[in-house]
């Protein structure tokens, strides 16, 4: 069922954004294999020199991989799930989801707000080994906050519709 107007446009953009995040997650995991493999091989054999930048690159990629995974997990409804009353349905379930959703929205707002400050703090700094700009790694926090607000906001609206009308939007 397609949704008219702004809500439908937001849902479509959210869906495309989630697809992009899923692709980026797969790509980041694949890329993460390279510096970690270089580290392991260089430590265990004498075939490769000890690359110092690989540890820092692996750290950057791991942070981004975890953050993107948290974004995708929120969109798919598998992140922040504590099911105290699994048998609840309908309006009761929607009410409990709204209560927990408020906390997720709060955390998303905190990550967005303070993430922007975090990026600002790192704007003119570089990493020690690879000399990468640190804002590249710090940017993950406000993007995570924005994503949680977007995806949780969608679910929040759906739950409000169930609570008020007894049906999904």
N, C-alpha and C. Protein backbone atom coordinates (compact mmCIF):
# COMPACT_ATOMS: atom_id res chain seq x y z
N UNK A 1 0.85 -1.18 0.00
CA UNK A 1 0.00 0.00 0.00
C UNK A 1 0.89 1.24 0.00
N UNK A 2 0.76 2.09 -1.01
CA UNK A 2 1.58 3.29 -1.07
C UNK A 2 0.94 4.38 -0.23
N UNK A 3 1.80 5.24 0.32
CA UNK A 3 1.31 6.30 1.18
C UNK A 3 1.46 7.63 0.46
N UNK A 4 0.44 8.44 0.46
CA UNK A 4 0.48 9.71 -0.26
C UNK A 4 1.27 10.77 0.49
N UNK A 5 1.73 11.75 -0.25
CA UNK A 5 2.28 12.96 0.34
C UNK A 5 3.64 12.81 0.96
N UNK A 6 3.85 13.68 1.94
CA UNK A 6 5.16 13.79 2.59
C UNK A 6 5.55 12.51 3.32
N UNK A 7 4.59 11.87 3.99
CA UNK A 7 4.89 10.64 4.72
C UNK A 7 5.42 9.55 3.78
N UNK A 8 4.78 9.42 2.62
CA UNK A 8 5.24 8.44 1.63
C UNK A 8 6.63 8.76 1.11
N UNK A 9 6.89 10.04 0.89
CA UNK A 9 8.20 10.47 0.42
C UNK A 9 9.28 10.18 1.47
N UNK A 10 8.96 10.47 2.73
CA UNK A 10 9.91 10.21 3.83
C UNK A 10 10.16 8.71 3.95
N UNK A 11 9.12 7.92 3.84
CA UNK A 11 9.27 6.46 3.94
C UNK A 11 10.14 5.92 2.81
N UNK A 12 9.92 6.43 1.61
CA UNK A 12 10.72 5.99 0.46
C UNK A 12 12.19 6.39 0.65
N UNK A 13 12.43 7.63 1.07
CA UNK A 13 13.80 8.09 1.31
C UNK A 13 14.45 7.27 2.43
N UNK A 14 13.69 6.97 3.46
CA UNK A 14 14.19 6.16 4.57
C UNK A 14 14.56 4.76 4.10
N UNK A 15 13.72 4.19 3.26
CA UNK A 15 13.99 2.86 2.72
C UNK A 15 15.27 2.86 1.88
N UNK A 16 15.41 3.87 1.03
CA UNK A 16 16.62 3.98 0.19
C UNK A 16 17.86 4.19 1.06
N UNK A 17 17.74 5.01 2.07
CA UNK A 17 18.84 5.27 3.00
C UNK A 17 19.24 3.97 3.73
N UNK A 18 18.25 3.20 4.15
CA UNK A 18 18.53 1.92 4.82
C UNK A 18 19.23 0.95 3.88
N UNK A 19 18.82 0.94 2.61
CA UNK A 19 19.49 0.08 1.62
C UNK A 19 20.95 0.50 1.44
N UNK A 20 21.18 1.81 1.37
CA UNK A 20 22.55 2.33 1.26
C UNK A 20 23.37 1.91 2.48
N UNK A 21 22.80 2.05 3.66
CA UNK A 21 23.51 1.65 4.88
C UNK A 21 23.83 0.17 4.88
N UNK A 22 22.91 -0.66 4.43
CA UNK A 22 23.16 -2.11 4.37
C UNK A 22 24.32 -2.42 3.42
N UNK A 23 24.36 -1.73 2.28
CA UNK A 23 25.46 -1.93 1.33
C UNK A 23 26.78 -1.45 1.94
N UNK A 24 26.74 -0.29 2.61
CA UNK A 24 27.96 0.23 3.25
C UNK A 24 28.45 -0.70 4.36
N UNK A 25 27.51 -1.31 5.06
CA UNK A 25 27.89 -2.26 6.11
C UNK A 25 28.64 -3.44 5.52
N UNK A 26 28.12 -4.01 4.45
CA UNK A 26 28.80 -5.14 3.80
C UNK A 26 30.17 -4.72 3.27
N UNK A 27 30.23 -3.56 2.65
CA UNK A 27 31.50 -3.07 2.10
C UNK A 27 32.52 -2.82 3.21
N UNK A 28 32.06 -2.22 4.32
CA UNK A 28 33.01 -1.93 5.41
C UNK A 28 33.55 -3.20 6.04
N UNK A 29 32.72 -4.23 6.14
CA UNK A 29 33.22 -5.51 6.67
C UNK A 29 34.25 -6.11 5.72
N UNK A 30 33.98 -6.04 4.43
CA UNK A 30 34.93 -6.57 3.45
C UNK A 30 36.25 -5.80 3.48
N UNK A 31 36.16 -4.48 3.57
CA UNK A 31 37.38 -3.67 3.61
C UNK A 31 38.14 -3.90 4.91
N UNK A 32 37.42 -4.11 6.01
CA UNK A 32 38.04 -4.34 7.31
C UNK A 32 38.94 -5.57 7.30
N UNK A 33 38.63 -6.52 6.46
CA UNK A 33 39.43 -7.73 6.36
C UNK A 33 40.87 -7.43 5.92
N UNK A 34 41.04 -6.43 5.07
CA UNK A 34 42.36 -6.14 4.50
C UNK A 34 43.37 -5.71 5.57
N UNK A 35 43.13 -4.63 6.34
CA UNK A 35 44.15 -4.25 7.33
C UNK A 35 44.34 -5.29 8.44
N UNK A 36 43.26 -5.97 8.81
CA UNK A 36 43.40 -6.99 9.86
C UNK A 36 44.24 -8.16 9.36
N UNK A 37 44.01 -8.57 8.11
CA UNK A 37 44.82 -9.65 7.53
C UNK A 37 46.29 -9.23 7.43
N UNK A 38 46.53 -8.01 6.99
CA UNK A 38 47.90 -7.51 6.92
C UNK A 38 48.57 -7.54 8.30
N UNK A 39 47.83 -7.14 9.32
CA UNK A 39 48.38 -7.17 10.68
C UNK A 39 48.74 -8.59 11.10
N UNK A 40 47.83 -9.51 10.90
CA UNK A 40 48.05 -10.90 11.34
C UNK A 40 49.23 -11.51 10.58
N UNK A 41 49.24 -11.36 9.26
CA UNK A 41 50.31 -11.96 8.46
C UNK A 41 51.66 -11.34 8.79
N UNK A 42 51.70 -10.03 8.98
CA UNK A 42 52.98 -9.39 9.27
C UNK A 42 53.50 -9.75 10.66
N UNK A 43 52.61 -10.04 11.59
CA UNK A 43 53.05 -10.42 12.94
C UNK A 43 53.50 -11.88 13.01
N UNK A 44 52.89 -12.72 12.20
CA UNK A 44 53.17 -14.15 12.30
C UNK A 44 54.23 -14.64 11.32
N UNK A 45 54.51 -13.86 10.30
CA UNK A 45 55.50 -14.28 9.30
C UNK A 45 56.45 -13.12 9.00
N UNK A 46 57.43 -13.41 8.20
CA UNK A 46 58.35 -12.36 7.77
C UNK A 46 58.14 -12.02 6.30
N UNK A 47 57.00 -12.39 5.76
CA UNK A 47 56.70 -12.12 4.36
C UNK A 47 56.32 -10.67 4.12
N UNK A 48 55.74 -10.03 5.13
CA UNK A 48 55.31 -8.64 5.00
C UNK A 48 56.00 -7.79 6.07
N UNK A 49 56.28 -6.55 5.74
CA UNK A 49 56.80 -5.66 6.79
C UNK A 49 55.68 -5.30 7.77
N UNK A 50 56.05 -4.84 8.93
CA UNK A 50 55.05 -4.44 9.93
C UNK A 50 54.51 -3.06 9.55
N UNK A 51 53.29 -3.07 9.06
CA UNK A 51 52.65 -1.81 8.70
C UNK A 51 52.00 -1.22 9.95
N UNK A 52 52.37 -0.01 10.28
CA UNK A 52 51.83 0.63 11.47
C UNK A 52 50.42 1.15 11.21
N UNK A 53 50.17 1.62 10.01
CA UNK A 53 48.87 2.24 9.70
C UNK A 53 47.71 1.25 9.74
N UNK A 54 48.01 -0.05 9.63
CA UNK A 54 46.92 -1.04 9.56
C UNK A 54 46.10 -1.09 10.85
N UNK A 55 46.76 -0.92 11.99
CA UNK A 55 46.03 -0.95 13.27
C UNK A 55 45.05 0.21 13.36
N UNK A 56 45.51 1.39 12.99
CA UNK A 56 44.64 2.56 13.05
C UNK A 56 43.51 2.47 12.02
N UNK A 57 43.83 1.99 10.85
CA UNK A 57 42.80 1.83 9.82
C UNK A 57 41.75 0.81 10.26
N UNK A 58 42.19 -0.27 10.87
CA UNK A 58 41.25 -1.29 11.36
C UNK A 58 40.36 -0.69 12.45
N UNK A 59 40.92 0.13 13.30
CA UNK A 59 40.14 0.77 14.35
C UNK A 59 39.07 1.70 13.77
N UNK A 60 39.46 2.53 12.79
CA UNK A 60 38.51 3.42 12.14
C UNK A 60 37.38 2.62 11.49
N UNK A 61 37.75 1.59 10.75
CA UNK A 61 36.75 0.78 10.06
C UNK A 61 35.84 0.03 11.03
N UNK A 62 36.40 -0.43 12.14
CA UNK A 62 35.59 -1.14 13.11
C UNK A 62 34.55 -0.21 13.74
N UNK A 63 34.96 1.01 14.07
CA UNK A 63 34.00 1.97 14.63
C UNK A 63 32.87 2.22 13.64
N UNK A 64 33.21 2.47 12.38
CA UNK A 64 32.19 2.72 11.37
C UNK A 64 31.30 1.50 11.15
N UNK A 65 31.90 0.31 11.16
CA UNK A 65 31.13 -0.91 10.96
C UNK A 65 30.12 -1.10 12.09
N UNK A 66 30.56 -0.88 13.32
CA UNK A 66 29.65 -1.01 14.47
C UNK A 66 28.53 0.03 14.40
N UNK A 67 28.89 1.25 14.08
CA UNK A 67 27.87 2.31 14.02
C UNK A 67 26.86 2.06 12.89
N UNK A 68 27.35 1.68 11.73
CA UNK A 68 26.42 1.39 10.63
C UNK A 68 25.56 0.19 10.97
N UNK A 69 26.15 -0.81 11.63
CA UNK A 69 25.36 -1.97 12.06
C UNK A 69 24.27 -1.57 13.04
N UNK A 70 24.56 -0.61 13.94
CA UNK A 70 23.54 -0.13 14.88
C UNK A 70 22.43 0.61 14.15
N UNK A 71 22.79 1.33 13.09
CA UNK A 71 21.77 2.04 12.30
C UNK A 71 20.86 1.04 11.58
N UNK A 72 21.48 0.07 10.94
CA UNK A 72 20.71 -0.95 10.21
C UNK A 72 19.85 -1.76 11.18
N UNK A 73 20.42 -2.11 12.32
CA UNK A 73 19.68 -2.87 13.33
C UNK A 73 18.46 -2.11 13.83
N UNK A 74 18.59 -0.79 13.96
CA UNK A 74 17.44 0.01 14.38
C UNK A 74 16.35 0.02 13.31
N UNK A 75 16.75 0.16 12.05
CA UNK A 75 15.78 0.15 10.96
C UNK A 75 15.04 -1.18 10.88
N UNK A 76 15.78 -2.28 11.06
CA UNK A 76 15.18 -3.61 10.95
C UNK A 76 14.45 -4.04 12.22
N UNK A 77 14.49 -3.20 13.26
CA UNK A 77 13.78 -3.52 14.49
C UNK A 77 14.43 -4.59 15.33
N UNK A 78 15.73 -4.75 15.20
CA UNK A 78 16.43 -5.78 15.98
C UNK A 78 17.44 -5.17 16.96
N UNK A 79 17.42 -3.84 17.07
CA UNK A 79 18.32 -3.16 17.99
C UNK A 79 17.46 -2.51 19.08
N UNK A 80 17.87 -2.58 20.30
CA UNK A 80 17.13 -2.04 21.44
C UNK A 80 15.82 -2.78 21.68
N UNK A 81 15.83 -4.06 21.56
CA UNK A 81 14.60 -4.83 21.77
C UNK A 81 14.71 -5.55 23.12
N UNK A 82 13.80 -5.19 24.02
CA UNK A 82 13.64 -5.90 25.28
C UNK A 82 12.16 -6.23 25.35
N UNK A 83 11.85 -7.48 25.21
CA UNK A 83 10.46 -7.89 25.14
C UNK A 83 10.02 -8.45 26.48
N UNK A 84 9.51 -7.56 27.34
CA UNK A 84 9.08 -7.99 28.67
C UNK A 84 7.76 -8.75 28.62
N UNK A 85 6.88 -8.32 27.73
CA UNK A 85 5.57 -8.96 27.60
C UNK A 85 5.37 -9.35 26.14
N UNK A 86 5.92 -10.48 25.72
CA UNK A 86 5.88 -10.85 24.30
C UNK A 86 4.48 -11.15 23.78
N UNK A 87 3.53 -11.40 24.65
CA UNK A 87 2.19 -11.77 24.18
C UNK A 87 1.28 -10.56 23.97
N UNK A 88 1.77 -9.36 24.30
CA UNK A 88 0.95 -8.17 24.08
C UNK A 88 0.76 -7.93 22.59
N UNK A 89 -0.44 -7.48 22.23
CA UNK A 89 -0.72 -7.16 20.83
C UNK A 89 -1.54 -5.87 20.77
N UNK A 90 -1.70 -5.36 19.58
CA UNK A 90 -2.57 -4.22 19.34
C UNK A 90 -2.15 -2.97 20.08
N UNK A 91 -3.14 -2.33 20.70
CA UNK A 91 -2.90 -1.04 21.37
C UNK A 91 -1.98 -1.17 22.58
N UNK A 92 -2.08 -2.27 23.30
CA UNK A 92 -1.18 -2.45 24.46
C UNK A 92 0.27 -2.56 24.01
N UNK A 93 0.48 -3.32 22.96
CA UNK A 93 1.84 -3.45 22.41
C UNK A 93 2.33 -2.09 21.90
N UNK A 94 1.47 -1.38 21.20
CA UNK A 94 1.83 -0.06 20.66
C UNK A 94 2.20 0.90 21.79
N UNK A 95 1.45 0.86 22.89
CA UNK A 95 1.76 1.73 24.02
C UNK A 95 3.15 1.43 24.59
N UNK A 96 3.44 0.14 24.79
CA UNK A 96 4.76 -0.24 25.32
C UNK A 96 5.88 0.14 24.34
N UNK A 97 5.61 -0.02 23.05
CA UNK A 97 6.61 0.36 22.04
C UNK A 97 6.82 1.87 22.02
N UNK A 98 5.77 2.64 22.27
CA UNK A 98 5.90 4.09 22.34
C UNK A 98 6.77 4.49 23.54
N UNK A 99 6.54 3.87 24.67
CA UNK A 99 7.33 4.17 25.86
C UNK A 99 8.81 3.89 25.60
N UNK A 100 9.11 2.72 25.07
CA UNK A 100 10.52 2.41 24.80
C UNK A 100 11.05 3.25 23.65
N UNK A 101 10.19 3.56 22.67
CA UNK A 101 10.61 4.38 21.54
C UNK A 101 11.00 5.78 21.95
N UNK A 102 10.35 6.31 22.99
CA UNK A 102 10.73 7.64 23.49
C UNK A 102 12.18 7.66 23.96
N UNK A 103 12.61 6.58 24.61
CA UNK A 103 13.99 6.51 25.07
C UNK A 103 14.97 6.42 23.89
N UNK A 104 14.60 5.65 22.88
CA UNK A 104 15.46 5.54 21.69
C UNK A 104 15.55 6.89 20.99
N UNK A 105 14.43 7.60 20.89
CA UNK A 105 14.45 8.93 20.29
C UNK A 105 15.32 9.89 21.11
N UNK A 106 15.25 9.77 22.43
CA UNK A 106 16.09 10.60 23.30
C UNK A 106 17.57 10.31 23.06
N UNK A 107 17.92 9.04 23.01
CA UNK A 107 19.32 8.67 22.75
C UNK A 107 19.76 9.15 21.36
N UNK A 108 18.89 9.03 20.37
CA UNK A 108 19.21 9.52 19.04
C UNK A 108 19.48 11.01 19.03
N UNK A 109 18.65 11.78 19.77
CA UNK A 109 18.85 13.22 19.86
C UNK A 109 20.17 13.56 20.56
N UNK A 110 20.49 12.81 21.61
CA UNK A 110 21.76 13.03 22.32
C UNK A 110 22.94 12.73 21.41
N UNK A 111 22.89 11.62 20.68
CA UNK A 111 23.97 11.27 19.77
C UNK A 111 24.12 12.32 18.67
N UNK A 112 23.01 12.82 18.16
CA UNK A 112 23.07 13.84 17.12
C UNK A 112 23.64 15.14 17.66
N UNK A 113 23.09 15.63 18.75
CA UNK A 113 23.51 16.91 19.33
C UNK A 113 24.98 16.90 19.75
N UNK A 114 25.33 15.95 20.59
CA UNK A 114 26.71 15.90 21.08
C UNK A 114 27.67 15.35 20.03
N UNK A 115 27.16 14.59 19.07
CA UNK A 115 27.99 14.12 17.97
C UNK A 115 28.48 15.27 17.11
N UNK A 116 27.62 16.27 16.92
CA UNK A 116 28.04 17.45 16.17
C UNK A 116 29.18 18.16 16.90
N UNK A 117 29.06 18.28 18.22
CA UNK A 117 30.16 18.86 19.02
C UNK A 117 31.42 17.99 18.93
N UNK A 118 31.24 16.70 18.92
CA UNK A 118 32.35 15.75 18.83
C UNK A 118 33.10 15.93 17.50
N UNK A 119 32.36 16.11 16.41
CA UNK A 119 32.98 16.35 15.10
C UNK A 119 33.70 17.68 15.10
N UNK A 120 33.06 18.70 15.68
CA UNK A 120 33.68 20.02 15.75
C UNK A 120 35.00 19.97 16.52
N UNK A 121 35.03 19.21 17.60
CA UNK A 121 36.24 19.05 18.40
C UNK A 121 37.38 18.44 17.58
N UNK A 122 37.04 17.53 16.68
CA UNK A 122 38.06 16.79 15.92
C UNK A 122 38.36 17.43 14.56
N UNK A 123 37.72 18.53 14.23
CA UNK A 123 37.78 19.07 12.88
C UNK A 123 39.21 19.32 12.38
N UNK A 124 40.07 19.87 13.20
CA UNK A 124 41.43 20.21 12.77
C UNK A 124 42.48 19.26 13.34
N UNK A 125 42.08 18.10 13.75
CA UNK A 125 43.01 17.11 14.32
C UNK A 125 43.22 15.97 13.32
N UNK A 126 44.38 15.33 13.43
CA UNK A 126 44.67 14.18 12.58
C UNK A 126 45.08 13.02 13.46
N UNK A 127 44.92 11.81 12.94
CA UNK A 127 45.31 10.63 13.68
C UNK A 127 46.84 10.52 13.71
N UNK A 128 47.34 9.83 14.70
CA UNK A 128 48.79 9.77 14.92
C UNK A 128 49.54 8.98 13.87
N UNK A 129 49.04 7.83 13.50
CA UNK A 129 49.81 6.93 12.64
C UNK A 129 49.53 7.13 11.15
N UNK A 130 48.28 7.08 10.77
CA UNK A 130 47.93 7.17 9.35
C UNK A 130 47.72 8.61 8.91
N UNK A 131 47.71 9.53 9.86
CA UNK A 131 47.50 10.96 9.61
C UNK A 131 46.20 11.23 8.85
N UNK A 132 45.17 10.50 9.26
CA UNK A 132 43.83 10.71 8.71
C UNK A 132 43.13 11.79 9.53
N UNK A 133 42.26 12.58 8.91
CA UNK A 133 41.51 13.56 9.69
C UNK A 133 40.56 12.86 10.67
N UNK A 134 40.63 13.25 11.92
CA UNK A 134 39.83 12.56 12.94
C UNK A 134 38.34 12.81 12.81
N UNK A 135 37.94 13.88 12.14
CA UNK A 135 36.51 14.10 11.98
C UNK A 135 35.87 12.97 11.18
N UNK A 136 36.67 12.25 10.38
CA UNK A 136 36.13 11.12 9.62
C UNK A 136 35.57 10.02 10.53
N UNK A 137 36.24 9.80 11.65
CA UNK A 137 35.75 8.78 12.57
C UNK A 137 34.67 9.35 13.48
N UNK A 138 34.80 10.61 13.87
CA UNK A 138 33.84 11.22 14.78
C UNK A 138 32.49 11.49 14.10
N UNK A 139 32.49 11.57 12.79
CA UNK A 139 31.26 11.82 12.03
C UNK A 139 30.24 10.69 12.19
N UNK A 140 30.71 9.52 12.60
CA UNK A 140 29.80 8.38 12.78
C UNK A 140 28.75 8.66 13.85
N UNK A 141 29.09 9.43 14.89
CA UNK A 141 28.15 9.66 15.99
C UNK A 141 26.94 10.51 15.58
N UNK A 142 27.12 11.67 14.96
CA UNK A 142 25.89 12.39 14.56
C UNK A 142 25.09 11.68 13.47
N UNK A 143 25.77 10.96 12.59
CA UNK A 143 25.04 10.20 11.57
C UNK A 143 24.22 9.10 12.24
N UNK A 144 24.79 8.46 13.25
CA UNK A 144 24.05 7.46 14.02
C UNK A 144 22.83 8.08 14.68
N UNK A 145 23.01 9.24 15.30
CA UNK A 145 21.89 9.92 15.95
C UNK A 145 20.79 10.28 14.97
N UNK A 146 21.17 10.82 13.81
CA UNK A 146 20.19 11.15 12.77
C UNK A 146 19.43 9.90 12.33
N UNK A 147 20.16 8.82 12.11
CA UNK A 147 19.55 7.58 11.63
C UNK A 147 18.57 7.01 12.65
N UNK A 148 18.97 7.03 13.93
CA UNK A 148 18.06 6.54 14.97
C UNK A 148 16.82 7.40 15.04
N UNK A 149 16.97 8.71 14.91
CA UNK A 149 15.80 9.59 14.94
C UNK A 149 14.87 9.29 13.76
N UNK A 150 15.46 9.09 12.59
CA UNK A 150 14.66 8.80 11.40
C UNK A 150 13.92 7.48 11.53
N UNK A 151 14.67 6.42 11.80
CA UNK A 151 14.07 5.08 11.84
C UNK A 151 13.14 4.90 13.04
N UNK A 152 13.53 5.41 14.20
CA UNK A 152 12.66 5.30 15.38
C UNK A 152 11.45 6.20 15.25
N UNK A 153 11.63 7.34 14.59
CA UNK A 153 10.51 8.24 14.36
C UNK A 153 9.43 7.59 13.50
N UNK A 154 9.86 6.86 12.48
CA UNK A 154 8.91 6.12 11.65
C UNK A 154 8.11 5.12 12.48
N UNK A 155 8.82 4.35 13.27
CA UNK A 155 8.15 3.34 14.10
C UNK A 155 7.25 4.01 15.12
N UNK A 156 7.69 5.12 15.67
CA UNK A 156 6.91 5.87 16.65
C UNK A 156 5.57 6.31 16.04
N UNK A 157 5.62 6.83 14.82
CA UNK A 157 4.39 7.26 14.13
C UNK A 157 3.48 6.06 13.90
N UNK A 158 4.06 4.95 13.47
CA UNK A 158 3.25 3.74 13.27
C UNK A 158 2.58 3.30 14.56
N UNK A 159 3.32 3.32 15.66
CA UNK A 159 2.76 2.91 16.95
C UNK A 159 1.68 3.88 17.42
N UNK A 160 1.87 5.17 17.17
CA UNK A 160 0.83 6.14 17.52
C UNK A 160 -0.46 5.87 16.74
N UNK A 161 -0.31 5.52 15.47
CA UNK A 161 -1.49 5.19 14.65
C UNK A 161 -2.22 3.98 15.21
N UNK A 162 -1.47 2.99 15.64
CA UNK A 162 -2.09 1.79 16.25
C UNK A 162 -2.78 2.19 17.54
N UNK A 163 -2.14 2.99 18.35
CA UNK A 163 -2.71 3.39 19.64
C UNK A 163 -3.99 4.20 19.43
N UNK A 164 -4.00 5.11 18.47
CA UNK A 164 -5.15 5.98 18.27
C UNK A 164 -6.24 5.31 17.45
N UNK A 165 -5.84 4.69 16.33
CA UNK A 165 -6.84 4.14 15.41
C UNK A 165 -6.96 2.62 15.46
N UNK A 166 -6.00 1.98 16.08
CA UNK A 166 -6.02 0.53 16.13
C UNK A 166 -5.47 -0.14 14.90
N UNK A 167 -4.77 0.63 14.03
CA UNK A 167 -4.22 0.06 12.80
C UNK A 167 -2.90 0.72 12.47
N UNK A 168 -2.09 0.00 11.71
CA UNK A 168 -0.80 0.54 11.25
C UNK A 168 -1.01 1.59 10.17
N UNK A 169 -0.07 2.56 10.14
CA UNK A 169 -0.16 3.62 9.11
C UNK A 169 0.28 3.13 7.77
